[in-house]
C-alpha cells in the first residue's frame, strides 16, 4: 500500500541496519542502486535511493523533496553525445500539509529508502501531448528523453531548502534538514 501524500511510484521504507554509503555530504549520506544493470524498451527500473544520517544528532527529512520525479536523478551518457532532456507533465499540485506527514526522524546511523519506479518507453504517454519517438525514462509526473541507446551514468540528487513549504506544517521543534547531496553514480545500459 502506498503512503498517502506520495505520488504513484514512490514509497518510503525505514531501514534500521547500517552500511557504508558513498556521498558528498556532511550529515546525510545518499546511495543509489537499481534492480539490475541491463534494460530495454518496455522494461521497468526501480531506483532505490537510500538516505543515511551520518551525523551525531537526529535529523528530520522529507525524502521526496522535489516536485517532479526527474529532479531526483542526474542522468548523462557515459560515452557519446547528446543531452538528456527533462520533460515535466504540467504543474504538480501538492497538499503540503499531507506531505508533512511523510517527514521522518532519522536518528544517527538510521536510514530511510525511497523507491522511484521508471518505465523505459519509445514514446511518452498520450497525455503529454508530445508524440516524438525516441528513448524515454518515464517517472511520476515527468520523463527524461535520452539521446541514444548507450550506457548511462545515474546519480541520485537531493535538495532540501530552508524555505521548503512543508516546514510551515511542522511543529517549531521539527525543521527539515537543509542541504544538497549527490550520490556516487550507478551505470545502467539501455540496449535496442
N, C-alpha and C. Protein backbone atom coordinates (compact mmCIF):
# COMPACT_ATOMS: atom_id res chain seq x y z
N UNK A 1 0.84 -1.18 0.00
CA UNK A 1 0.00 0.00 0.00
C UNK A 1 0.88 1.24 0.00
N UNK A 2 0.57 2.20 -0.83
CA UNK A 2 1.33 3.43 -0.96
C UNK A 2 0.91 4.41 0.12
N UNK A 3 1.89 5.03 0.86
CA UNK A 3 1.54 6.01 1.87
C UNK A 3 0.80 7.19 1.24
N UNK A 4 -0.15 7.78 1.95
CA UNK A 4 -0.86 8.94 1.45
C UNK A 4 0.09 10.11 1.31
N UNK A 5 -0.14 10.93 0.29
CA UNK A 5 0.68 12.11 0.09
C UNK A 5 1.91 11.85 -0.77
N UNK A 6 2.15 10.60 -1.16
CA UNK A 6 3.29 10.28 -2.00
C UNK A 6 2.76 9.94 -3.38
N UNK A 7 3.37 10.49 -4.41
CA UNK A 7 2.94 10.25 -5.78
C UNK A 7 3.08 8.78 -6.15
N UNK A 8 2.26 8.28 -7.09
CA UNK A 8 2.40 6.88 -7.51
C UNK A 8 3.84 6.59 -7.93
N UNK A 9 4.31 5.41 -7.60
CA UNK A 9 5.67 5.02 -7.95
C UNK A 9 6.69 5.33 -6.87
N UNK A 10 6.25 5.98 -5.80
CA UNK A 10 7.16 6.33 -4.73
C UNK A 10 6.73 5.63 -3.46
N UNK A 11 7.67 5.20 -2.69
CA UNK A 11 7.35 4.58 -1.40
C UNK A 11 8.49 4.84 -0.44
N UNK A 12 8.20 4.81 0.84
CA UNK A 12 9.22 5.02 1.86
C UNK A 12 9.30 3.77 2.73
N UNK A 13 10.51 3.39 3.09
CA UNK A 13 10.72 2.26 3.97
C UNK A 13 11.79 2.68 4.96
N UNK A 14 11.54 2.55 6.25
CA UNK A 14 12.55 2.87 7.24
C UNK A 14 13.42 1.64 7.44
N UNK A 15 14.72 1.82 7.30
CA UNK A 15 15.69 0.75 7.47
C UNK A 15 16.54 1.06 8.69
N UNK A 16 16.74 0.11 9.55
CA UNK A 16 17.50 0.34 10.76
C UNK A 16 18.89 -0.26 10.72
N UNK A 17 19.24 -1.02 9.68
CA UNK A 17 20.57 -1.60 9.60
C UNK A 17 21.57 -0.55 9.14
N UNK A 18 22.85 -0.87 9.25
CA UNK A 18 23.85 0.11 8.83
C UNK A 18 24.79 -0.49 7.80
N UNK A 19 25.30 0.38 6.93
CA UNK A 19 26.36 0.01 5.99
C UNK A 19 26.97 1.28 5.45
N UNK A 20 28.02 1.15 4.68
CA UNK A 20 28.73 2.31 4.15
C UNK A 20 28.01 2.85 2.93
N UNK A 21 27.88 4.16 2.83
CA UNK A 21 27.26 4.80 1.68
C UNK A 21 28.26 5.76 1.04
N UNK A 22 28.17 5.89 -0.27
CA UNK A 22 29.03 6.82 -0.99
C UNK A 22 28.28 8.12 -1.20
N UNK A 23 28.90 9.25 -0.88
CA UNK A 23 28.21 10.51 -0.98
C UNK A 23 29.14 11.71 -0.86
N UNK A 24 28.58 12.91 -1.01
CA UNK A 24 29.32 14.15 -0.83
C UNK A 24 28.58 15.00 0.20
N UNK A 25 28.27 14.52 1.36
CA UNK A 25 27.53 15.29 2.35
C UNK A 25 28.19 15.19 3.71
N UNK A 26 27.81 16.09 4.59
CA UNK A 26 28.37 16.07 5.93
C UNK A 26 27.44 15.41 6.93
N UNK A 27 26.12 15.53 6.74
CA UNK A 27 25.18 14.96 7.69
C UNK A 27 24.30 13.86 7.09
N UNK A 28 24.06 13.95 5.81
CA UNK A 28 23.24 12.94 5.11
C UNK A 28 24.10 12.27 4.05
N UNK A 29 24.13 10.95 4.07
CA UNK A 29 24.79 10.18 3.02
C UNK A 29 23.70 9.67 2.09
N UNK A 30 23.97 9.69 0.81
CA UNK A 30 22.99 9.29 -0.19
C UNK A 30 23.58 8.17 -1.04
N UNK A 31 22.80 7.12 -1.22
CA UNK A 31 23.25 5.98 -2.03
C UNK A 31 22.14 5.61 -3.00
N UNK A 32 22.51 5.27 -4.22
CA UNK A 32 21.56 4.89 -5.26
C UNK A 32 21.90 3.50 -5.75
N UNK A 33 20.87 2.68 -5.96
CA UNK A 33 21.09 1.42 -6.66
C UNK A 33 19.83 1.07 -7.45
N UNK A 34 20.02 0.20 -8.44
CA UNK A 34 18.93 -0.25 -9.30
C UNK A 34 18.77 -1.75 -9.14
N UNK A 35 17.66 -2.26 -9.65
CA UNK A 35 17.39 -3.69 -9.52
C UNK A 35 18.28 -4.53 -10.43
N UNK A 36 18.80 -3.96 -11.49
CA UNK A 36 19.78 -4.63 -12.36
C UNK A 36 20.48 -3.56 -13.20
N UNK A 37 21.38 -3.98 -14.11
CA UNK A 37 22.15 -3.01 -14.90
C UNK A 37 21.70 -2.93 -16.36
N UNK A 38 21.17 -4.00 -16.93
CA UNK A 38 20.80 -4.04 -18.35
C UNK A 38 19.29 -3.86 -18.53
N UNK A 39 18.90 -2.98 -19.48
CA UNK A 39 17.48 -2.70 -19.71
C UNK A 39 17.20 -2.55 -21.20
N UNK A 40 15.92 -2.68 -21.54
CA UNK A 40 15.41 -2.49 -22.91
C UNK A 40 14.11 -1.70 -22.85
N UNK A 41 13.65 -1.24 -24.01
CA UNK A 41 12.34 -0.58 -24.10
C UNK A 41 11.29 -1.55 -23.57
N UNK A 42 10.38 -1.01 -22.77
CA UNK A 42 9.33 -1.81 -22.16
C UNK A 42 9.68 -2.29 -20.76
N UNK A 43 10.95 -2.17 -20.36
CA UNK A 43 11.37 -2.58 -19.02
C UNK A 43 11.02 -1.51 -17.99
N UNK A 44 10.94 -1.94 -16.76
CA UNK A 44 10.74 -1.06 -15.61
C UNK A 44 12.03 -1.06 -14.79
N UNK A 45 12.45 0.12 -14.37
CA UNK A 45 13.62 0.27 -13.50
C UNK A 45 13.13 0.75 -12.13
N UNK A 46 13.59 0.10 -11.09
CA UNK A 46 13.33 0.61 -9.74
C UNK A 46 14.63 1.20 -9.21
N UNK A 47 14.62 2.51 -9.04
CA UNK A 47 15.75 3.22 -8.43
C UNK A 47 15.49 3.26 -6.93
N UNK A 48 16.41 2.75 -6.15
CA UNK A 48 16.30 2.83 -4.70
C UNK A 48 17.30 3.86 -4.22
N UNK A 49 16.77 4.88 -3.56
CA UNK A 49 17.59 5.97 -3.03
C UNK A 49 17.58 5.83 -1.52
N UNK A 50 18.77 5.62 -0.95
CA UNK A 50 18.89 5.41 0.49
C UNK A 50 19.53 6.64 1.12
N UNK A 51 18.85 7.20 2.11
CA UNK A 51 19.33 8.34 2.87
C UNK A 51 19.81 7.82 4.22
N UNK A 52 21.00 8.20 4.63
CA UNK A 52 21.53 7.76 5.92
C UNK A 52 21.98 8.96 6.73
N UNK A 53 21.57 9.01 7.97
CA UNK A 53 22.02 10.07 8.87
C UNK A 53 23.41 9.71 9.36
N UNK A 54 24.42 10.43 8.90
CA UNK A 54 25.80 10.18 9.32
C UNK A 54 26.27 11.21 10.34
N UNK A 55 25.32 12.01 10.85
CA UNK A 55 25.66 12.99 11.87
C UNK A 55 25.54 12.34 13.26
N UNK A 56 25.75 13.14 14.28
CA UNK A 56 25.63 12.65 15.65
C UNK A 56 24.33 13.12 16.32
N UNK A 57 23.44 13.71 15.52
CA UNK A 57 22.19 14.20 16.08
C UNK A 57 21.01 13.72 15.22
N UNK A 58 19.81 13.67 15.77
CA UNK A 58 18.65 13.31 14.95
C UNK A 58 18.39 14.39 13.89
N UNK A 59 17.93 13.96 12.71
CA UNK A 59 17.60 14.88 11.62
C UNK A 59 16.20 14.58 11.12
N UNK A 60 15.49 15.63 10.71
CA UNK A 60 14.16 15.48 10.11
C UNK A 60 14.33 15.59 8.61
N UNK A 61 13.73 14.65 7.90
CA UNK A 61 13.96 14.54 6.46
C UNK A 61 12.66 14.24 5.72
N UNK A 62 12.48 14.88 4.58
CA UNK A 62 11.39 14.56 3.66
C UNK A 62 12.05 13.97 2.42
N UNK A 63 12.09 12.63 2.30
CA UNK A 63 12.82 12.01 1.19
C UNK A 63 12.31 12.38 -0.20
N UNK A 64 11.10 12.90 -0.31
CA UNK A 64 10.60 13.37 -1.60
C UNK A 64 10.55 14.89 -1.55
N UNK A 65 11.68 15.53 -1.76
CA UNK A 65 11.73 16.98 -1.63
C UNK A 65 11.41 17.71 -2.93
N UNK A 66 11.54 17.03 -4.06
CA UNK A 66 11.33 17.69 -5.34
C UNK A 66 9.87 17.57 -5.78
N UNK A 67 9.48 18.36 -6.77
CA UNK A 67 8.10 18.31 -7.24
C UNK A 67 7.91 17.37 -8.42
N UNK A 68 8.95 17.04 -9.14
CA UNK A 68 8.89 16.10 -10.26
C UNK A 68 9.93 15.01 -10.07
N UNK A 69 9.57 13.78 -10.40
CA UNK A 69 10.47 12.65 -10.22
C UNK A 69 11.80 12.80 -10.93
N UNK A 70 11.82 13.47 -12.09
CA UNK A 70 13.08 13.61 -12.82
C UNK A 70 14.10 14.44 -12.06
N UNK A 71 13.64 15.26 -11.12
CA UNK A 71 14.57 16.10 -10.37
C UNK A 71 15.30 15.32 -9.28
N UNK A 72 14.94 14.05 -9.06
CA UNK A 72 15.64 13.21 -8.10
C UNK A 72 16.83 12.50 -8.73
N UNK A 73 16.95 12.61 -10.07
CA UNK A 73 18.01 11.89 -10.79
C UNK A 73 18.83 12.84 -11.66
N UNK A 74 20.11 12.57 -11.73
CA UNK A 74 21.01 13.25 -12.65
C UNK A 74 21.52 12.17 -13.59
N UNK A 75 21.17 12.27 -14.88
CA UNK A 75 21.47 11.22 -15.86
C UNK A 75 22.27 11.81 -17.01
N UNK A 76 23.35 11.09 -17.40
CA UNK A 76 24.12 11.53 -18.56
C UNK A 76 24.74 10.30 -19.22
N UNK A 77 24.94 10.37 -20.56
CA UNK A 77 25.58 9.24 -21.24
C UNK A 77 27.01 9.05 -20.74
N UNK A 78 27.42 7.78 -20.60
CA UNK A 78 28.80 7.50 -20.20
C UNK A 78 29.74 7.91 -21.33
N UNK A 79 29.39 7.55 -22.55
CA UNK A 79 30.14 7.94 -23.75
C UNK A 79 29.12 8.42 -24.77
N UNK A 80 29.58 9.15 -25.74
CA UNK A 80 28.66 9.61 -26.77
C UNK A 80 28.26 11.05 -26.54
N UNK A 81 27.38 11.48 -27.39
CA UNK A 81 26.98 12.88 -27.38
C UNK A 81 25.48 12.99 -27.19
N UNK A 82 25.07 14.17 -26.88
CA UNK A 82 23.66 14.44 -26.72
C UNK A 82 23.30 14.70 -25.28
N UNK A 83 22.40 15.63 -25.12
CA UNK A 83 21.97 16.00 -23.77
C UNK A 83 20.70 15.24 -23.40
N UNK A 84 20.55 14.97 -22.13
CA UNK A 84 19.33 14.38 -21.60
C UNK A 84 18.35 15.52 -21.37
N UNK A 85 17.13 15.37 -21.88
CA UNK A 85 16.11 16.41 -21.77
C UNK A 85 15.11 16.04 -20.66
N UNK A 86 14.87 16.97 -19.75
CA UNK A 86 13.86 16.77 -18.71
C UNK A 86 12.52 17.27 -19.23
N UNK A 87 11.49 16.45 -19.08
CA UNK A 87 10.14 16.79 -19.53
C UNK A 87 9.22 16.71 -18.32
N UNK A 88 8.58 17.80 -18.01
CA UNK A 88 7.64 17.83 -16.89
C UNK A 88 6.22 17.84 -17.44
N UNK A 89 5.35 17.05 -16.82
CA UNK A 89 3.97 16.96 -17.26
C UNK A 89 3.12 17.91 -16.42
N UNK A 90 2.82 19.08 -16.96
CA UNK A 90 2.01 20.05 -16.23
C UNK A 90 2.71 20.54 -14.98
N UNK A 91 1.93 21.15 -14.12
CA UNK A 91 2.44 21.64 -12.85
C UNK A 91 1.87 20.77 -11.74
N UNK A 92 2.72 20.00 -11.07
CA UNK A 92 2.20 19.15 -9.99
C UNK A 92 1.59 19.98 -8.87
N UNK A 93 0.58 19.44 -8.26
CA UNK A 93 -0.08 20.09 -7.13
C UNK A 93 0.13 19.23 -5.90
N UNK A 94 0.54 19.85 -4.81
CA UNK A 94 0.81 19.11 -3.58
C UNK A 94 -0.04 19.64 -2.45
N UNK A 95 -0.50 18.76 -1.62
CA UNK A 95 -1.11 19.12 -0.35
C UNK A 95 0.02 19.08 0.67
N UNK A 96 0.64 20.24 0.91
CA UNK A 96 1.84 20.29 1.74
C UNK A 96 1.56 19.79 3.16
N UNK A 97 0.35 20.05 3.66
CA UNK A 97 0.02 19.55 5.00
C UNK A 97 0.02 18.03 5.03
N UNK A 98 -0.49 17.39 3.96
CA UNK A 98 -0.46 15.92 3.87
C UNK A 98 0.97 15.42 3.72
N UNK A 99 1.75 16.10 2.89
CA UNK A 99 3.13 15.68 2.66
C UNK A 99 3.96 15.82 3.95
N UNK A 100 3.59 16.75 4.81
CA UNK A 100 4.33 16.92 6.06
C UNK A 100 4.24 15.66 6.93
N UNK A 101 3.23 14.85 6.73
CA UNK A 101 3.10 13.60 7.48
C UNK A 101 4.11 12.55 7.03
N UNK A 102 4.77 12.79 5.91
CA UNK A 102 5.78 11.85 5.39
C UNK A 102 7.18 12.18 5.88
N UNK A 103 7.31 13.24 6.66
CA UNK A 103 8.61 13.61 7.22
C UNK A 103 9.02 12.51 8.22
N UNK A 104 10.28 12.11 8.13
CA UNK A 104 10.79 11.07 9.03
C UNK A 104 11.90 11.65 9.89
N UNK A 105 11.97 11.13 11.11
CA UNK A 105 13.06 11.48 12.01
C UNK A 105 14.11 10.39 11.89
N UNK A 106 15.31 10.77 11.47
CA UNK A 106 16.40 9.83 11.36
C UNK A 106 17.36 10.02 12.52
N UNK A 107 17.46 9.01 13.34
CA UNK A 107 18.44 9.02 14.42
C UNK A 107 19.82 8.80 13.79
N UNK A 108 20.90 9.10 14.50
CA UNK A 108 22.24 8.84 13.94
C UNK A 108 22.38 7.39 13.48
N UNK A 109 22.92 7.22 12.30
CA UNK A 109 23.16 5.92 11.64
C UNK A 109 21.88 5.25 11.11
N UNK A 110 20.73 5.85 11.30
CA UNK A 110 19.49 5.28 10.78
C UNK A 110 19.33 5.69 9.32
N UNK A 111 18.56 4.87 8.58
CA UNK A 111 18.35 5.11 7.15
C UNK A 111 16.86 5.11 6.82
N UNK A 112 16.58 5.71 5.68
CA UNK A 112 15.26 5.62 5.07
C UNK A 112 15.50 5.44 3.57
N UNK A 113 14.67 4.63 2.93
CA UNK A 113 14.81 4.39 1.50
C UNK A 113 13.58 4.87 0.76
N UNK A 114 13.81 5.36 -0.42
CA UNK A 114 12.74 5.79 -1.32
C UNK A 114 12.90 5.00 -2.60
N UNK A 115 11.79 4.55 -3.15
CA UNK A 115 11.82 3.81 -4.41
C UNK A 115 11.16 4.67 -5.48
N UNK A 116 11.89 4.91 -6.55
CA UNK A 116 11.39 5.67 -7.68
C UNK A 116 11.33 4.71 -8.87
N UNK A 117 10.12 4.45 -9.35
CA UNK A 117 9.93 3.49 -10.43
C UNK A 117 9.83 4.24 -11.75
N UNK A 118 10.58 3.77 -12.75
CA UNK A 118 10.60 4.38 -14.07
C UNK A 118 10.31 3.33 -15.14
N UNK A 119 9.63 3.74 -16.19
CA UNK A 119 9.35 2.88 -17.35
C UNK A 119 10.21 3.36 -18.51
N UNK A 120 10.79 2.42 -19.25
CA UNK A 120 11.56 2.77 -20.44
C UNK A 120 10.63 2.57 -21.64
N UNK A 121 10.39 3.63 -22.37
CA UNK A 121 9.43 3.59 -23.49
C UNK A 121 10.00 4.32 -24.71
N UNK A 122 9.40 4.05 -25.87
CA UNK A 122 9.81 4.73 -27.11
C UNK A 122 8.95 5.96 -27.38
N UNK A 123 7.88 6.13 -26.61
CA UNK A 123 7.01 7.32 -26.72
C UNK A 123 6.54 7.71 -25.33
N UNK A 124 6.19 8.97 -25.21
CA UNK A 124 5.59 9.45 -23.97
C UNK A 124 4.11 9.04 -23.93
N UNK A 125 3.51 8.99 -22.76
CA UNK A 125 2.07 8.74 -22.69
C UNK A 125 1.30 9.82 -23.46
N UNK A 126 0.14 9.51 -24.03
CA UNK A 126 -0.61 10.48 -24.84
C UNK A 126 -0.93 11.78 -24.12
N UNK A 127 -1.12 11.74 -22.82
CA UNK A 127 -1.45 12.95 -22.06
C UNK A 127 -0.37 14.02 -22.13
N UNK A 128 0.85 13.65 -22.45
CA UNK A 128 1.94 14.61 -22.52
C UNK A 128 1.81 15.53 -23.73
N UNK A 129 1.07 15.10 -24.75
CA UNK A 129 0.92 15.92 -25.94
C UNK A 129 2.18 16.02 -26.77
N UNK A 130 3.10 15.13 -26.61
CA UNK A 130 4.38 15.11 -27.32
C UNK A 130 4.52 13.73 -27.95
N UNK A 131 4.40 13.65 -29.26
CA UNK A 131 4.40 12.36 -29.95
C UNK A 131 5.73 12.01 -30.59
N UNK A 132 6.81 12.69 -30.20
CA UNK A 132 8.12 12.35 -30.74
C UNK A 132 8.49 10.92 -30.34
N UNK A 133 9.05 10.19 -31.29
CA UNK A 133 9.60 8.88 -30.96
C UNK A 133 11.00 9.10 -30.41
N UNK A 134 11.42 8.19 -29.59
CA UNK A 134 12.74 8.33 -29.00
C UNK A 134 12.93 7.32 -27.89
N UNK A 135 13.77 7.65 -26.97
CA UNK A 135 14.06 6.82 -25.82
C UNK A 135 13.72 7.63 -24.58
N UNK A 136 12.73 7.15 -23.81
CA UNK A 136 12.23 7.89 -22.66
C UNK A 136 12.31 7.06 -21.39
N UNK A 137 12.67 7.72 -20.32
CA UNK A 137 12.63 7.16 -18.99
C UNK A 137 11.50 7.93 -18.28
N UNK A 138 10.37 7.26 -18.08
CA UNK A 138 9.17 7.92 -17.58
C UNK A 138 9.01 7.63 -16.09
N UNK A 139 8.97 8.69 -15.28
CA UNK A 139 8.78 8.60 -13.84
C UNK A 139 7.52 9.39 -13.50
N UNK A 140 7.02 9.34 -12.26
CA UNK A 140 5.80 10.06 -11.93
C UNK A 140 5.87 11.55 -12.28
N UNK A 141 4.87 12.00 -13.03
CA UNK A 141 4.69 13.41 -13.41
C UNK A 141 5.80 14.00 -14.26
N UNK A 142 6.67 13.16 -14.84
CA UNK A 142 7.76 13.69 -15.63
C UNK A 142 8.47 12.57 -16.38
N UNK A 143 9.42 12.96 -17.22
CA UNK A 143 10.17 11.98 -18.01
C UNK A 143 11.53 12.56 -18.38
N UNK A 144 12.43 11.67 -18.77
CA UNK A 144 13.72 12.05 -19.33
C UNK A 144 13.78 11.53 -20.75
N UNK A 145 14.14 12.39 -21.70
CA UNK A 145 14.35 11.95 -23.07
C UNK A 145 15.85 11.72 -23.21
N UNK A 146 16.22 10.46 -23.45
CA UNK A 146 17.63 10.07 -23.55
C UNK A 146 18.06 10.13 -25.01
N UNK A 147 19.27 10.61 -25.30
CA UNK A 147 19.66 10.84 -26.69
C UNK A 147 19.96 9.59 -27.51
N UNK A 148 20.31 8.46 -26.87
CA UNK A 148 20.70 7.28 -27.64
C UNK A 148 20.69 6.03 -26.77
N UNK A 149 20.80 4.87 -27.42
CA UNK A 149 20.89 3.59 -26.71
C UNK A 149 22.35 3.35 -26.34
N UNK A 150 22.72 3.75 -25.14
CA UNK A 150 24.09 3.61 -24.64
C UNK A 150 24.02 3.42 -23.13
N UNK A 151 25.14 3.12 -22.51
CA UNK A 151 25.16 3.13 -21.05
C UNK A 151 25.03 4.56 -20.51
N UNK A 152 24.35 4.69 -19.38
CA UNK A 152 24.15 5.99 -18.73
C UNK A 152 24.66 5.95 -17.30
N UNK A 153 25.23 7.07 -16.89
CA UNK A 153 25.61 7.27 -15.51
C UNK A 153 24.43 7.96 -14.82
N UNK A 154 23.97 7.37 -13.73
CA UNK A 154 22.83 7.92 -13.00
C UNK A 154 23.25 8.19 -11.56
N UNK A 155 22.94 9.38 -11.08
CA UNK A 155 23.19 9.75 -9.69
C UNK A 155 21.86 10.19 -9.06
N UNK A 156 21.71 9.93 -7.79
CA UNK A 156 20.58 10.48 -7.04
C UNK A 156 20.97 11.88 -6.58
N UNK A 157 20.00 12.79 -6.64
CA UNK A 157 20.21 14.17 -6.23
C UNK A 157 19.16 14.49 -5.17
N UNK A 158 19.59 15.11 -4.09
CA UNK A 158 18.64 15.50 -3.05
C UNK A 158 18.93 16.93 -2.64
N UNK A 159 17.89 17.75 -2.69
CA UNK A 159 17.99 19.16 -2.28
C UNK A 159 16.85 19.44 -1.31
N UNK A 160 17.18 20.00 -0.18
CA UNK A 160 16.16 20.39 0.79
C UNK A 160 16.50 21.80 1.26
N UNK A 161 15.61 22.74 0.98
CA UNK A 161 15.90 24.14 1.31
C UNK A 161 15.24 24.55 2.62
N UNK A 162 15.78 25.58 3.21
CA UNK A 162 15.25 26.08 4.48
C UNK A 162 13.82 26.61 4.32
N UNK A 163 13.46 27.04 3.13
CA UNK A 163 12.11 27.58 2.91
C UNK A 163 11.18 26.56 2.25
N UNK A 164 11.43 25.27 2.45
CA UNK A 164 10.54 24.24 1.90
C UNK A 164 9.14 24.44 2.46
N UNK A 165 8.10 24.40 1.62
CA UNK A 165 6.72 24.63 2.09
C UNK A 165 6.27 23.69 3.21
N UNK A 166 6.82 22.51 3.29
CA UNK A 166 6.42 21.56 4.33
C UNK A 166 6.77 22.10 5.73
N UNK A 167 7.82 22.89 5.85
CA UNK A 167 8.21 23.44 7.15
C UNK A 167 7.06 24.21 7.82
N UNK A 168 6.20 24.83 7.03
CA UNK A 168 5.08 25.60 7.58
C UNK A 168 4.09 24.71 8.32
N UNK A 169 4.09 23.42 8.05
CA UNK A 169 3.15 22.49 8.66
C UNK A 169 3.78 21.63 9.75
N UNK A 170 5.02 21.90 10.07
CA UNK A 170 5.71 21.15 11.12
C UNK A 170 5.74 21.94 12.42
N UNK A 171 5.72 21.25 13.57
CA UNK A 171 5.85 21.97 14.84
C UNK A 171 7.20 22.70 14.89
N UNK A 172 7.30 23.74 15.70
CA UNK A 172 8.55 24.52 15.75
C UNK A 172 9.79 23.69 16.11
N UNK A 173 9.60 22.59 16.81
CA UNK A 173 10.75 21.76 17.19
C UNK A 173 11.21 20.85 16.05
N UNK A 174 10.42 20.75 15.00
CA UNK A 174 10.76 19.93 13.84
C UNK A 174 11.01 20.85 12.66
N UNK A 175 12.21 20.88 12.15
CA UNK A 175 12.52 21.62 10.92
C UNK A 175 13.30 20.67 10.03
N UNK A 176 12.98 20.70 8.74
CA UNK A 176 13.65 19.82 7.79
C UNK A 176 15.14 20.11 7.72
N UNK A 177 15.91 19.04 7.59
CA UNK A 177 17.33 19.18 7.31
C UNK A 177 17.46 19.95 6.00
N UNK A 178 18.43 20.84 5.92
CA UNK A 178 18.64 21.59 4.68
C UNK A 178 20.03 21.30 4.13
N UNK A 179 20.10 21.19 2.82
CA UNK A 179 21.37 20.96 2.17
C UNK A 179 21.19 20.27 0.84
N UNK A 180 22.29 19.94 0.22
CA UNK A 180 22.33 19.27 -1.07
C UNK A 180 23.21 18.04 -0.96
N UNK A 181 22.76 16.95 -1.55
CA UNK A 181 23.53 15.71 -1.52
C UNK A 181 23.46 15.09 -2.91
N UNK A 182 24.57 14.51 -3.34
CA UNK A 182 24.68 13.82 -4.62
C UNK A 182 25.30 12.45 -4.37
N UNK A 183 24.68 11.41 -4.89
CA UNK A 183 25.21 10.05 -4.68
C UNK A 183 26.35 9.77 -5.65
N UNK A 184 27.08 8.71 -5.38
CA UNK A 184 28.02 8.19 -6.36
C UNK A 184 27.18 7.63 -7.52
N UNK A 185 27.75 7.52 -8.70
CA UNK A 185 26.95 7.06 -9.85
C UNK A 185 26.75 5.54 -9.87
N UNK A 186 25.66 5.15 -10.51
CA UNK A 186 25.46 3.77 -10.93
C UNK A 186 25.38 3.81 -12.45
N UNK A 187 25.71 2.72 -13.10
CA UNK A 187 25.68 2.66 -14.55
C UNK A 187 24.51 1.75 -14.96
N UNK A 188 23.68 2.25 -15.86
CA UNK A 188 22.63 1.42 -16.47
C UNK A 188 22.87 1.41 -17.96
N UNK A 189 22.64 0.27 -18.58
CA UNK A 189 22.84 0.11 -20.01
C UNK A 189 21.47 -0.12 -20.64
N UNK A 190 21.07 0.78 -21.54
CA UNK A 190 19.79 0.64 -22.23
C UNK A 190 20.10 0.26 -23.67
N UNK A 191 19.74 -0.98 -24.02
CA UNK A 191 20.04 -1.51 -25.37
C UNK A 191 18.78 -1.49 -26.24
N UNK A 192 18.99 -1.50 -27.56
CA UNK A 192 17.86 -1.55 -28.51
C UNK A 192 17.20 -2.89 -28.50
